[in-house]
Amino acid sequence: MGKILVVDDEPKNLKLMEALLTPLGHQLLFAQDGQEALDKAKSDHPDLILLDIQMPILNGFEAAKLLKDGKETSNIPIVMVTAFNAVEDRVKALEVGADDFLAKPVDKTELRARVTTLLKVKAYNDSMINYQKTLESEVAKKTAELK
């Protein structure tokens, strides 16, 4: 199961996500604004971030952009979860680096399906990154031996 960072400034929304995702066995982390999300993403290394757009300090668009620009956090999938439902908001979310978008009120089945899919993609990407590092290490070792 994955480690999911849920970011929303409304406690009732955090509790709803907890109720929807806990039965699936995921480890949940919570943040109430974009800055707290950045800090937790860097320290706790979640596998997925569910990010509200309308929040104090840093809104979701700003936080997503900073997360995707950060070396430690750029590979974490982000799902924007928001009451904003206009096409422009969806496009902006994707432009700043979000991997997916869910409109509130969230459908339980859709949320669980998207979370499951993105966690599989993240696990695959992580394994490919680790494999690449192993190969690079082996090439460096063989190169050194040949010299």
C-alpha atoms as a PDB file:
ATOM      1  CA  MET A   1       0.000   0.000   0.000  1.00  0.00           C
ATOM      2  CA  GLY A   2       1.070   3.561  -0.499  1.00  0.00           C
ATOM      3  CA  LYS A   3       1.837   6.604   1.568  1.00  0.00           C
ATOM      4  CA  ILE A   4      -0.595   9.388   0.613  1.00  0.00           C
ATOM      5  CA  LEU A   5      -0.337  13.053   1.563  1.00  0.00           C
ATOM      6  CA  VAL A   6      -3.806  14.645   1.696  1.00  0.00           C
ATOM      7  CA  VAL A   7      -3.741  18.448   1.544  1.00  0.00           C
ATOM      8  CA  ASP A   8      -6.847  20.510   2.293  1.00  0.00           C
ATOM      9  CA  ASP A   9      -7.574  23.476   4.543  1.00  0.00           C
ATOM     10  CA  GLU A  10     -11.015  22.111   5.507  1.00  0.00           C
ATOM     11  CA  PRO A  11     -10.857  19.553   8.360  1.00  0.00           C
ATOM     12  CA  LYS A  12     -14.098  17.916   7.161  1.00  0.00           C
ATOM     13  CA  ASN A  13     -12.474  17.207   3.772  1.00  0.00           C
ATOM     14  CA  LEU A  14      -9.441  15.662   5.473  1.00  0.00           C
ATOM     15  CA  LYS A  15     -11.731  13.425   7.539  1.00  0.00           C
ATOM     16  CA  LEU A  16     -13.666  12.411   4.421  1.00  0.00           C
ATOM     17  CA  MET A  17     -10.468  11.394   2.600  1.00  0.00           C
ATOM     18  CA  GLU A  18      -9.356   9.497   5.685  1.00  0.00           C
ATOM     19  CA  ALA A  19     -12.674   7.617   5.761  1.00  0.00           C
ATOM     20  CA  LEU A  20     -12.472   6.800   2.043  1.00  0.00           C
ATOM     21  CA  LEU A  21      -8.812   5.732   1.901  1.00  0.00           C
ATOM     22  CA  THR A  22      -8.057   4.124   5.265  1.00  0.00           C
ATOM     23  CA  PRO A  23     -10.034   0.945   4.461  1.00  0.00           C
ATOM     24  CA  LEU A  24      -7.675   0.363   1.526  1.00  0.00           C
ATOM     25  CA  GLY A  25      -4.723   0.123   3.923  1.00  0.00           C
ATOM     26  CA  HIS A  26      -2.873   3.266   2.831  1.00  0.00           C
ATOM     27  CA  GLN A  27      -0.742   5.270   5.229  1.00  0.00           C
ATOM     28  CA  LEU A  28      -2.182   8.777   5.300  1.00  0.00           C
ATOM     29  CA  LEU A  29      -0.410  12.032   6.040  1.00  0.00           C
ATOM     30  CA  PHE A  30      -2.233  15.355   6.308  1.00  0.00           C
ATOM     31  CA  ALA A  31      -1.430  19.005   5.620  1.00  0.00           C
ATOM     32  CA  GLN A  32      -3.683  22.065   5.758  1.00  0.00           C
ATOM     33  CA  ASP A  33      -1.920  24.380   3.319  1.00  0.00           C
ATOM     34  CA  GLY A  34       0.513  24.352   0.429  1.00  0.00           C
ATOM     35  CA  GLN A  35       3.582  25.228   2.485  1.00  0.00           C
ATOM     36  CA  GLU A  36       2.927  22.430   4.961  1.00  0.00           C
ATOM     37  CA  ALA A  37       2.462  20.103   1.973  1.00  0.00           C
ATOM     38  CA  LEU A  38       5.882  21.069   0.592  1.00  0.00           C
ATOM     39  CA  ASP A  39       7.528  20.477   3.954  1.00  0.00           C
ATOM     40  CA  LYS A  40       5.849  17.089   4.476  1.00  0.00           C
ATOM     41  CA  ALA A  41       6.556  15.969   0.914  1.00  0.00           C
ATOM     42  CA  LYS A  42      10.267  16.654   1.439  1.00  0.00           C
ATOM     43  CA  SER A  43      10.465  15.022   4.874  1.00  0.00           C
ATOM     44  CA  ASP A  44       8.016  12.116   4.566  1.00  0.00           C
ATOM     45  CA  HIS A  45       8.400  11.154   0.864  1.00  0.00           C
ATOM     46  CA  PRO A  46       4.785  10.261   0.031  1.00  0.00           C
ATOM     47  CA  ASP A  47       3.925   8.083  -2.953  1.00  0.00           C
ATOM     48  CA  LEU A  48       0.968  10.297  -3.939  1.00  0.00           C
ATOM     49  CA  ILE A  49      -0.377  13.746  -3.099  1.00  0.00           C
ATOM     50  CA  LEU A  50      -4.072  14.658  -3.122  1.00  0.00           C
ATOM     51  CA  LEU A  51      -3.994  18.453  -3.309  1.00  0.00           C
ATOM     52  CA  ASP A  52      -6.798  20.977  -2.899  1.00  0.00           C
ATOM     53  CA  ILE A  53      -6.502  24.156  -4.965  1.00  0.00           C
ATOM     54  CA  GLN A  54      -8.091  26.842  -2.811  1.00  0.00           C
ATOM     55  CA  MET A  55      -5.956  27.116   0.343  1.00  0.00           C
ATOM     56  CA  PRO A  56      -4.182  29.770   2.397  1.00  0.00           C
ATOM     57  CA  ILE A  57      -0.444  30.561   2.216  1.00  0.00           C
ATOM     58  CA  LEU A  58       0.257  28.626  -1.014  1.00  0.00           C
ATOM     59  CA  ASN A  59      -2.672  27.600  -3.163  1.00  0.00           C
ATOM     60  CA  GLY A  60      -2.703  24.214  -4.861  1.00  0.00           C
ATOM     61  CA  PHE A  61      -1.470  25.545  -8.199  1.00  0.00           C
ATOM     62  CA  GLU A  62       1.550  27.190  -6.546  1.00  0.00           C
ATOM     63  CA  ALA A  63       2.268  24.149  -4.381  1.00  0.00           C
ATOM     64  CA  ALA A  64       2.025  21.745  -7.342  1.00  0.00           C
ATOM     65  CA  LYS A  65       4.443  23.863  -9.377  1.00  0.00           C
ATOM     66  CA  LEU A  66       6.970  23.954  -6.519  1.00  0.00           C
ATOM     67  CA  LEU A  67       6.593  20.218  -5.904  1.00  0.00           C
ATOM     68  CA  LYS A  68       7.183  19.376  -9.572  1.00  0.00           C
ATOM     69  CA  ASP A  69      10.156  21.759  -9.734  1.00  0.00           C
ATOM     70  CA  GLY A  70      11.784  20.240  -6.632  1.00  0.00           C
ATOM     71  CA  LYS A  71      14.445  17.571  -7.078  1.00  0.00           C
ATOM     72  CA  GLU A  72      13.207  15.504  -4.118  1.00  0.00           C
ATOM     73  CA  THR A  73       9.511  15.793  -4.991  1.00  0.00           C
ATOM     74  CA  SER A  74       9.272  15.961  -8.782  1.00  0.00           C
ATOM     75  CA  ASN A  75       8.382  12.266  -9.209  1.00  0.00           C
ATOM     76  CA  ILE A  76       5.466  12.274  -6.758  1.00  0.00           C
ATOM     77  CA  PRO A  77       2.139  12.055  -8.603  1.00  0.00           C
ATOM     78  CA  ILE A  78      -0.301  14.855  -7.755  1.00  0.00           C
ATOM     79  CA  VAL A  79      -4.077  14.677  -8.004  1.00  0.00           C
ATOM     80  CA  MET A  80      -5.798  18.042  -7.735  1.00  0.00           C
ATOM     81  CA  VAL A  81      -9.011  17.588  -5.729  1.00  0.00           C
ATOM     82  CA  THR A  82     -11.166  20.680  -5.815  1.00  0.00           C
ATOM     83  CA  ALA A  83     -14.566  22.279  -6.152  1.00  0.00           C
ATOM     84  CA  PHE A  84     -13.162  24.268  -9.094  1.00  0.00           C
ATOM     85  CA  ASN A  85     -14.616  22.484 -12.072  1.00  0.00           C
ATOM     86  CA  ALA A  86     -14.035  24.801 -15.021  1.00  0.00           C
ATOM     87  CA  VAL A  87     -12.001  23.558 -17.979  1.00  0.00           C
ATOM     88  CA  GLU A  88      -9.518  26.402 -17.395  1.00  0.00           C
ATOM     89  CA  ASP A  89      -8.845  25.117 -13.863  1.00  0.00           C
ATOM     90  CA  ARG A  90      -8.244  21.580 -15.113  1.00  0.00           C
ATOM     91  CA  VAL A  91      -5.891  22.855 -17.815  1.00  0.00           C
ATOM     92  CA  LYS A  92      -4.016  25.058 -15.339  1.00  0.00           C
ATOM     93  CA  ALA A  93      -3.675  22.105 -12.939  1.00  0.00           C
ATOM     94  CA  LEU A  94      -2.118  20.002 -15.683  1.00  0.00           C
ATOM     95  CA  GLU A  95       0.123  22.874 -16.811  1.00  0.00           C
ATOM     96  CA  VAL A  96       1.629  23.255 -13.328  1.00  0.00           C
ATOM     97  CA  GLY A  97       2.342  19.525 -13.174  1.00  0.00           C
ATOM     98  CA  ALA A  98      -0.705  17.761 -11.744  1.00  0.00           C
ATOM     99  CA  ASP A  99      -1.071  14.209 -12.980  1.00  0.00           C
ATOM    100  CA  ASP A 100      -4.815  14.017 -12.533  1.00  0.00           C
ATOM    101  CA  PHE A 101      -7.842  16.011 -11.419  1.00  0.00           C
ATOM    102  CA  LEU A 102     -10.893  15.129  -9.303  1.00  0.00           C
ATOM    103  CA  ALA A 103     -13.883  17.389  -8.749  1.00  0.00           C
ATOM    104  CA  LYS A 104     -15.590  17.746  -5.371  1.00  0.00           C
ATOM    105  CA  PRO A 105     -17.758  16.194  -4.201  1.00  0.00           C
ATOM    106  CA  VAL A 106     -15.470  13.246  -4.787  1.00  0.00           C
ATOM    107  CA  ASP A 107     -16.935   9.984  -5.973  1.00  0.00           C
ATOM    108  CA  LYS A 108     -15.585   7.198  -3.736  1.00  0.00           C
ATOM    109  CA  THR A 109     -15.153   4.683  -6.546  1.00  0.00           C
ATOM    110  CA  GLU A 110     -13.404   7.142  -8.858  1.00  0.00           C
ATOM    111  CA  LEU A 111     -11.097   8.366  -6.087  1.00  0.00           C
ATOM    112  CA  ARG A 112     -10.068   4.826  -5.166  1.00  0.00           C
ATOM    113  CA  ALA A 113      -9.513   3.847  -8.808  1.00  0.00           C
ATOM    114  CA  ARG A 114      -7.336   6.873  -9.535  1.00  0.00           C
ATOM    115  CA  VAL A 115      -5.342   6.448  -6.321  1.00  0.00           C
ATOM    116  CA  THR A 116      -4.743   2.762  -7.069  1.00  0.00           C
ATOM    117  CA  THR A 117      -3.666   3.488 -10.641  1.00  0.00           C
ATOM    118  CA  LEU A 118      -1.302   6.318  -9.749  1.00  0.00           C
ATOM    119  CA  LEU A 119       0.275   4.300  -6.940  1.00  0.00           C
ATOM    120  CA  LYS A 120       0.975   1.502  -9.438  1.00  0.00           C
ATOM    121  CA  VAL A 121       2.529   3.996 -11.852  1.00  0.00           C
ATOM    122  CA  LYS A 122       4.659   5.458  -9.043  1.00  0.00           C
ATOM    123  CA  ALA A 123       5.863   1.997  -7.981  1.00  0.00           C
ATOM    124  CA  TYR A 124       6.768   1.160 -11.579  1.00  0.00           C
ATOM    125  CA  ASN A 125       8.629   4.465 -12.025  1.00  0.00           C
ATOM    126  CA  ASP A 126      10.495   3.936  -8.760  1.00  0.00           C
ATOM    127  CA  SER A 127      11.563   0.454  -9.841  1.00  0.00           C
ATOM    128  CA  MET A 128      12.767   1.799 -13.204  1.00  0.00           C
ATOM    129  CA  ILE A 129      14.785   4.537 -11.461  1.00  0.00           C
ATOM    130  CA  ASN A 130      16.359   1.960  -9.130  1.00  0.00           C
ATOM    131  CA  TYR A 131      17.133  -0.342 -12.064  1.00  0.00           C
ATOM    132  CA  GLN A 132      18.767   2.529 -13.951  1.00  0.00           C
ATOM    133  CA  LYS A 133      20.918   3.352 -10.914  1.00  0.00           C
ATOM    134  CA  THR A 134      21.949  -0.304 -10.638  1.00  0.00           C
ATOM    135  CA  LEU A 135      22.911  -0.412 -14.308  1.00  0.00           C
ATOM    136  CA  GLU A 136      24.896   2.821 -14.038  1.00  0.00           C
ATOM    137  CA  SER A 137      26.731   1.431 -11.035  1.00  0.00           C
ATOM    138  CA  GLU A 138      27.542  -1.794 -12.870  1.00  0.00           C
ATOM    139  CA  VAL A 139      28.814   0.120 -15.926  1.00  0.00           C
ATOM    140  CA  ALA A 140      31.007   2.309 -13.715  1.00  0.00           C
ATOM    141  CA  LYS A 141      32.358  -0.780 -11.939  1.00  0.00           C
ATOM    142  CA  LYS A 142      33.141  -2.601 -15.206  1.00  0.00           C
ATOM    143  CA  THR A 143      34.703   0.542 -16.684  1.00  0.00           C
ATOM    144  CA  ALA A 144      36.971   0.869 -13.650  1.00  0.00           C
ATOM    145  CA  GLU A 145      37.951  -2.784 -13.927  1.00  0.00           C
ATOM    146  CA  LEU A 146      38.843  -2.382 -17.594  1.00  0.00           C
ATOM    147  CA  LYS A 147      41.073   0.607 -16.887  1.00  0.00           C
END
